[in-house]
Amino acid sequence: MWSGRVGLVNPPSAMIGGTYLAPPLGLVDLASHLTSRRLVDSLEFLDLALELNEGKLPFGESLPIVAAQRILAGDFDVCAFSVQC
């Protein structure tokens, strides 16, 4: 088992106006794989798109800075990001 902190991040998208489309299935699958096989000691899932939709993150110019601060606050050793095309 790896003892580092892993962060799985679904970033917010200002392009879609805070509309929450769906959970990031790729990250959900990765989290399931890592935890079920006990490959990581610490895993945190940050769904910043959902937080934006729920009003927990500010919409506007400060969004990228606040989102980056949330990610950095996790003090992760490794981060994986979901993307929307």
N, C-alpha and C. Protein backbone atom coordinates (compact mmCIF):
# COMPACT_ATOMS: atom_id res chain seq x y z
N MET A 1 0.84 -1.17 0.00
CA MET A 1 0.00 0.00 0.00
C MET A 1 0.89 1.24 0.00
N TRP A 2 0.50 2.21 -0.79
CA TRP A 2 1.22 3.47 -0.85
C TRP A 2 0.68 4.39 0.23
N SER A 3 1.55 5.05 0.97
CA SER A 3 1.10 5.83 2.13
C SER A 3 0.90 7.32 1.84
N GLY A 4 1.03 7.75 0.59
CA GLY A 4 0.84 9.15 0.26
C GLY A 4 -0.63 9.54 0.19
N ARG A 5 -0.85 10.84 0.12
CA ARG A 5 -2.22 11.38 0.01
C ARG A 5 -2.56 11.57 -1.46
N VAL A 6 -3.69 11.01 -1.87
CA VAL A 6 -4.15 11.11 -3.25
C VAL A 6 -5.40 11.98 -3.29
N GLY A 7 -5.40 12.94 -4.20
CA GLY A 7 -6.56 13.79 -4.41
C GLY A 7 -7.14 13.54 -5.79
N LEU A 8 -8.42 13.26 -5.85
CA LEU A 8 -9.13 13.10 -7.11
C LEU A 8 -10.04 14.31 -7.26
N VAL A 9 -9.82 15.10 -8.31
CA VAL A 9 -10.45 16.41 -8.42
C VAL A 9 -11.31 16.51 -9.67
N ASN A 10 -12.57 16.86 -9.47
CA ASN A 10 -13.45 17.23 -10.56
C ASN A 10 -13.52 18.75 -10.54
N PRO A 11 -12.78 19.42 -11.45
CA PRO A 11 -12.70 20.89 -11.39
C PRO A 11 -14.02 21.55 -11.79
N PRO A 12 -14.23 22.77 -11.29
CA PRO A 12 -15.43 23.51 -11.68
C PRO A 12 -15.28 24.02 -13.10
N SER A 13 -16.38 24.25 -13.76
CA SER A 13 -16.35 24.78 -15.11
C SER A 13 -17.20 26.03 -15.19
N ALA A 14 -16.54 27.16 -15.36
CA ALA A 14 -17.26 28.42 -15.50
C ALA A 14 -17.94 28.49 -16.87
N MET A 15 -17.49 27.66 -17.80
CA MET A 15 -18.05 27.67 -19.15
C MET A 15 -19.51 27.21 -19.18
N ILE A 16 -19.88 26.35 -18.24
CA ILE A 16 -21.25 25.84 -18.24
C ILE A 16 -22.09 26.49 -17.14
N GLY A 17 -21.57 27.57 -16.59
CA GLY A 17 -22.34 28.37 -15.65
C GLY A 17 -22.69 27.70 -14.35
N GLY A 18 -21.87 26.78 -13.90
CA GLY A 18 -22.13 26.13 -12.63
C GLY A 18 -23.15 25.01 -12.71
N THR A 19 -23.59 24.66 -13.89
CA THR A 19 -24.52 23.55 -14.04
C THR A 19 -23.79 22.24 -13.80
N TYR A 20 -24.36 21.42 -12.93
CA TYR A 20 -23.72 20.14 -12.63
C TYR A 20 -24.25 19.10 -13.59
N LEU A 21 -23.36 18.59 -14.46
CA LEU A 21 -23.80 17.65 -15.50
C LEU A 21 -23.94 16.23 -14.97
N ALA A 22 -22.90 15.72 -14.36
CA ALA A 22 -22.90 14.33 -13.87
C ALA A 22 -21.65 14.11 -13.04
N PRO A 23 -21.67 13.12 -12.17
CA PRO A 23 -20.44 12.79 -11.45
C PRO A 23 -19.36 12.35 -12.44
N PRO A 24 -18.12 12.65 -12.14
CA PRO A 24 -17.03 12.25 -13.04
C PRO A 24 -16.76 10.74 -12.93
N LEU A 25 -17.35 9.98 -13.82
CA LEU A 25 -17.31 8.52 -13.71
C LEU A 25 -15.90 7.95 -13.76
N GLY A 26 -15.01 8.59 -14.51
CA GLY A 26 -13.62 8.12 -14.55
C GLY A 26 -12.96 8.19 -13.18
N LEU A 27 -13.17 9.29 -12.48
CA LEU A 27 -12.59 9.42 -11.13
C LEU A 27 -13.28 8.51 -10.14
N VAL A 28 -14.59 8.33 -10.29
CA VAL A 28 -15.32 7.41 -9.41
C VAL A 28 -14.78 5.99 -9.59
N ASP A 29 -14.55 5.59 -10.83
CA ASP A 29 -14.00 4.27 -11.12
C ASP A 29 -12.59 4.13 -10.55
N LEU A 30 -11.76 5.17 -10.74
CA LEU A 30 -10.40 5.13 -10.20
C LEU A 30 -10.40 5.04 -8.68
N ALA A 31 -11.26 5.82 -8.04
CA ALA A 31 -11.36 5.77 -6.57
C ALA A 31 -11.78 4.38 -6.10
N SER A 32 -12.74 3.80 -6.80
CA SER A 32 -13.20 2.46 -6.45
C SER A 32 -12.08 1.43 -6.57
N HIS A 33 -11.33 1.52 -7.64
CA HIS A 33 -10.22 0.59 -7.87
C HIS A 33 -9.15 0.75 -6.79
N LEU A 34 -8.75 1.98 -6.51
CA LEU A 34 -7.69 2.22 -5.54
C LEU A 34 -8.08 1.80 -4.13
N THR A 35 -9.33 2.05 -3.75
CA THR A 35 -9.75 1.71 -2.39
C THR A 35 -10.08 0.23 -2.23
N SER A 36 -10.72 -0.36 -3.23
CA SER A 36 -11.10 -1.77 -3.09
C SER A 36 -9.88 -2.68 -3.05
N ARG A 37 -8.83 -2.28 -3.73
CA ARG A 37 -7.60 -3.08 -3.72
C ARG A 37 -6.61 -2.61 -2.65
N ARG A 38 -7.05 -1.65 -1.87
CA ARG A 38 -6.23 -1.09 -0.79
C ARG A 38 -4.84 -0.66 -1.29
N LEU A 39 -4.86 0.07 -2.41
CA LEU A 39 -3.61 0.51 -3.01
C LEU A 39 -3.13 1.85 -2.45
N VAL A 40 -4.02 2.59 -1.81
CA VAL A 40 -3.64 3.87 -1.22
C VAL A 40 -4.12 3.94 0.22
N ASP A 41 -3.38 4.69 1.00
CA ASP A 41 -3.72 4.86 2.40
C ASP A 41 -4.72 5.98 2.62
N SER A 42 -4.59 7.05 1.82
CA SER A 42 -5.43 8.23 2.00
C SER A 42 -5.90 8.74 0.65
N LEU A 43 -7.21 8.82 0.46
CA LEU A 43 -7.78 9.29 -0.79
C LEU A 43 -8.89 10.28 -0.49
N GLU A 44 -8.85 11.43 -1.17
CA GLU A 44 -9.91 12.42 -0.99
C GLU A 44 -10.45 12.80 -2.36
N PHE A 45 -11.77 12.87 -2.44
CA PHE A 45 -12.45 13.21 -3.68
C PHE A 45 -12.98 14.63 -3.56
N LEU A 46 -12.49 15.53 -4.40
CA LEU A 46 -12.97 16.92 -4.41
C LEU A 46 -13.83 17.13 -5.65
N ASP A 47 -15.12 17.25 -5.46
CA ASP A 47 -16.01 17.52 -6.58
C ASP A 47 -16.33 19.01 -6.58
N LEU A 48 -15.38 19.78 -7.15
CA LEU A 48 -15.51 21.23 -7.13
C LEU A 48 -16.63 21.72 -8.05
N ALA A 49 -16.96 20.94 -9.07
CA ALA A 49 -18.09 21.29 -9.94
C ALA A 49 -19.39 21.24 -9.14
N LEU A 50 -19.54 20.24 -8.30
CA LEU A 50 -20.72 20.13 -7.45
C LEU A 50 -20.75 21.26 -6.42
N GLU A 51 -19.57 21.55 -5.85
CA GLU A 51 -19.50 22.65 -4.87
C GLU A 51 -19.89 23.98 -5.51
N LEU A 52 -19.49 24.19 -6.76
CA LEU A 52 -19.87 25.42 -7.48
C LEU A 52 -21.38 25.44 -7.68
N ASN A 53 -21.94 24.33 -8.08
CA ASN A 53 -23.38 24.23 -8.32
C ASN A 53 -24.18 24.47 -7.04
N GLU A 54 -23.63 24.03 -5.90
CA GLU A 54 -24.32 24.21 -4.62
C GLU A 54 -24.06 25.57 -3.99
N GLY A 55 -23.27 26.42 -4.67
CA GLY A 55 -22.99 27.75 -4.15
C GLY A 55 -21.89 27.80 -3.11
N LYS A 56 -21.14 26.73 -2.95
CA LYS A 56 -20.05 26.70 -1.97
C LYS A 56 -18.77 27.33 -2.51
N LEU A 57 -18.71 27.52 -3.82
CA LEU A 57 -17.59 28.21 -4.46
C LEU A 57 -18.15 29.43 -5.18
N PRO A 58 -17.37 30.52 -5.23
CA PRO A 58 -17.87 31.73 -5.89
C PRO A 58 -17.82 31.60 -7.41
N PHE A 59 -18.85 32.06 -8.07
CA PHE A 59 -18.86 32.07 -9.53
C PHE A 59 -18.33 33.43 -9.97
N GLY A 60 -17.35 33.43 -10.84
CA GLY A 60 -16.79 34.69 -11.33
C GLY A 60 -15.28 34.63 -11.42
N GLU A 61 -14.68 35.80 -11.41
CA GLU A 61 -13.23 35.90 -11.62
C GLU A 61 -12.41 35.20 -10.54
N SER A 62 -12.92 35.11 -9.33
CA SER A 62 -12.15 34.50 -8.24
C SER A 62 -12.24 32.97 -8.23
N LEU A 63 -13.10 32.40 -9.08
CA LEU A 63 -13.30 30.95 -9.08
C LEU A 63 -12.00 30.16 -9.25
N PRO A 64 -11.14 30.46 -10.24
CA PRO A 64 -9.91 29.67 -10.39
C PRO A 64 -9.00 29.74 -9.18
N ILE A 65 -8.91 30.90 -8.56
CA ILE A 65 -8.04 31.06 -7.40
C ILE A 65 -8.58 30.28 -6.21
N VAL A 66 -9.87 30.40 -5.96
CA VAL A 66 -10.49 29.69 -4.83
C VAL A 66 -10.41 28.18 -5.04
N ALA A 67 -10.65 27.72 -6.27
CA ALA A 67 -10.56 26.29 -6.57
C ALA A 67 -9.13 25.78 -6.35
N ALA A 68 -8.15 26.56 -6.81
CA ALA A 68 -6.75 26.16 -6.62
C ALA A 68 -6.40 26.11 -5.13
N GLN A 69 -6.90 27.06 -4.36
CA GLN A 69 -6.65 27.06 -2.92
C GLN A 69 -7.25 25.83 -2.25
N ARG A 70 -8.45 25.42 -2.68
CA ARG A 70 -9.09 24.21 -2.13
C ARG A 70 -8.23 22.97 -2.41
N ILE A 71 -7.69 22.91 -3.63
CA ILE A 71 -6.86 21.76 -4.00
C ILE A 71 -5.56 21.77 -3.20
N LEU A 72 -4.91 22.92 -3.12
CA LEU A 72 -3.65 23.02 -2.37
C LEU A 72 -3.83 22.76 -0.88
N ALA A 73 -4.99 23.10 -0.35
CA ALA A 73 -5.26 22.86 1.08
C ALA A 73 -5.29 21.38 1.41
N GLY A 74 -5.54 20.54 0.39
CA GLY A 74 -5.55 19.10 0.62
C GLY A 74 -4.17 18.52 0.87
N ASP A 75 -3.14 19.27 0.55
CA ASP A 75 -1.76 18.83 0.74
C ASP A 75 -1.52 17.42 0.17
N PHE A 76 -1.98 17.23 -1.06
CA PHE A 76 -1.88 15.93 -1.72
C PHE A 76 -0.47 15.68 -2.25
N ASP A 77 -0.08 14.43 -2.26
CA ASP A 77 1.17 14.03 -2.90
C ASP A 77 0.96 13.83 -4.40
N VAL A 78 -0.24 13.38 -4.75
CA VAL A 78 -0.61 13.13 -6.15
C VAL A 78 -2.04 13.57 -6.36
N CYS A 79 -2.30 14.24 -7.49
CA CYS A 79 -3.66 14.63 -7.86
C CYS A 79 -3.99 14.09 -9.24
N ALA A 80 -5.22 13.65 -9.40
CA ALA A 80 -5.74 13.27 -10.72
C ALA A 80 -6.95 14.15 -10.98
N PHE A 81 -7.08 14.63 -12.21
CA PHE A 81 -8.15 15.56 -12.57
C PHE A 81 -9.04 14.96 -13.63
N SER A 82 -10.33 15.23 -13.49
CA SER A 82 -11.29 14.89 -14.54
C SER A 82 -11.33 16.07 -15.50
N VAL A 83 -11.71 15.80 -16.74
CA VAL A 83 -11.88 16.87 -17.72
C VAL A 83 -13.20 16.69 -18.46
N GLN A 84 -13.75 17.81 -18.91
CA GLN A 84 -14.95 17.76 -19.73
C GLN A 84 -14.62 18.37 -21.07
N CYS A 85 -15.05 17.73 -22.11
CA CYS A 85 -14.78 18.24 -23.46
C CYS A 85 -16.03 18.81 -24.07
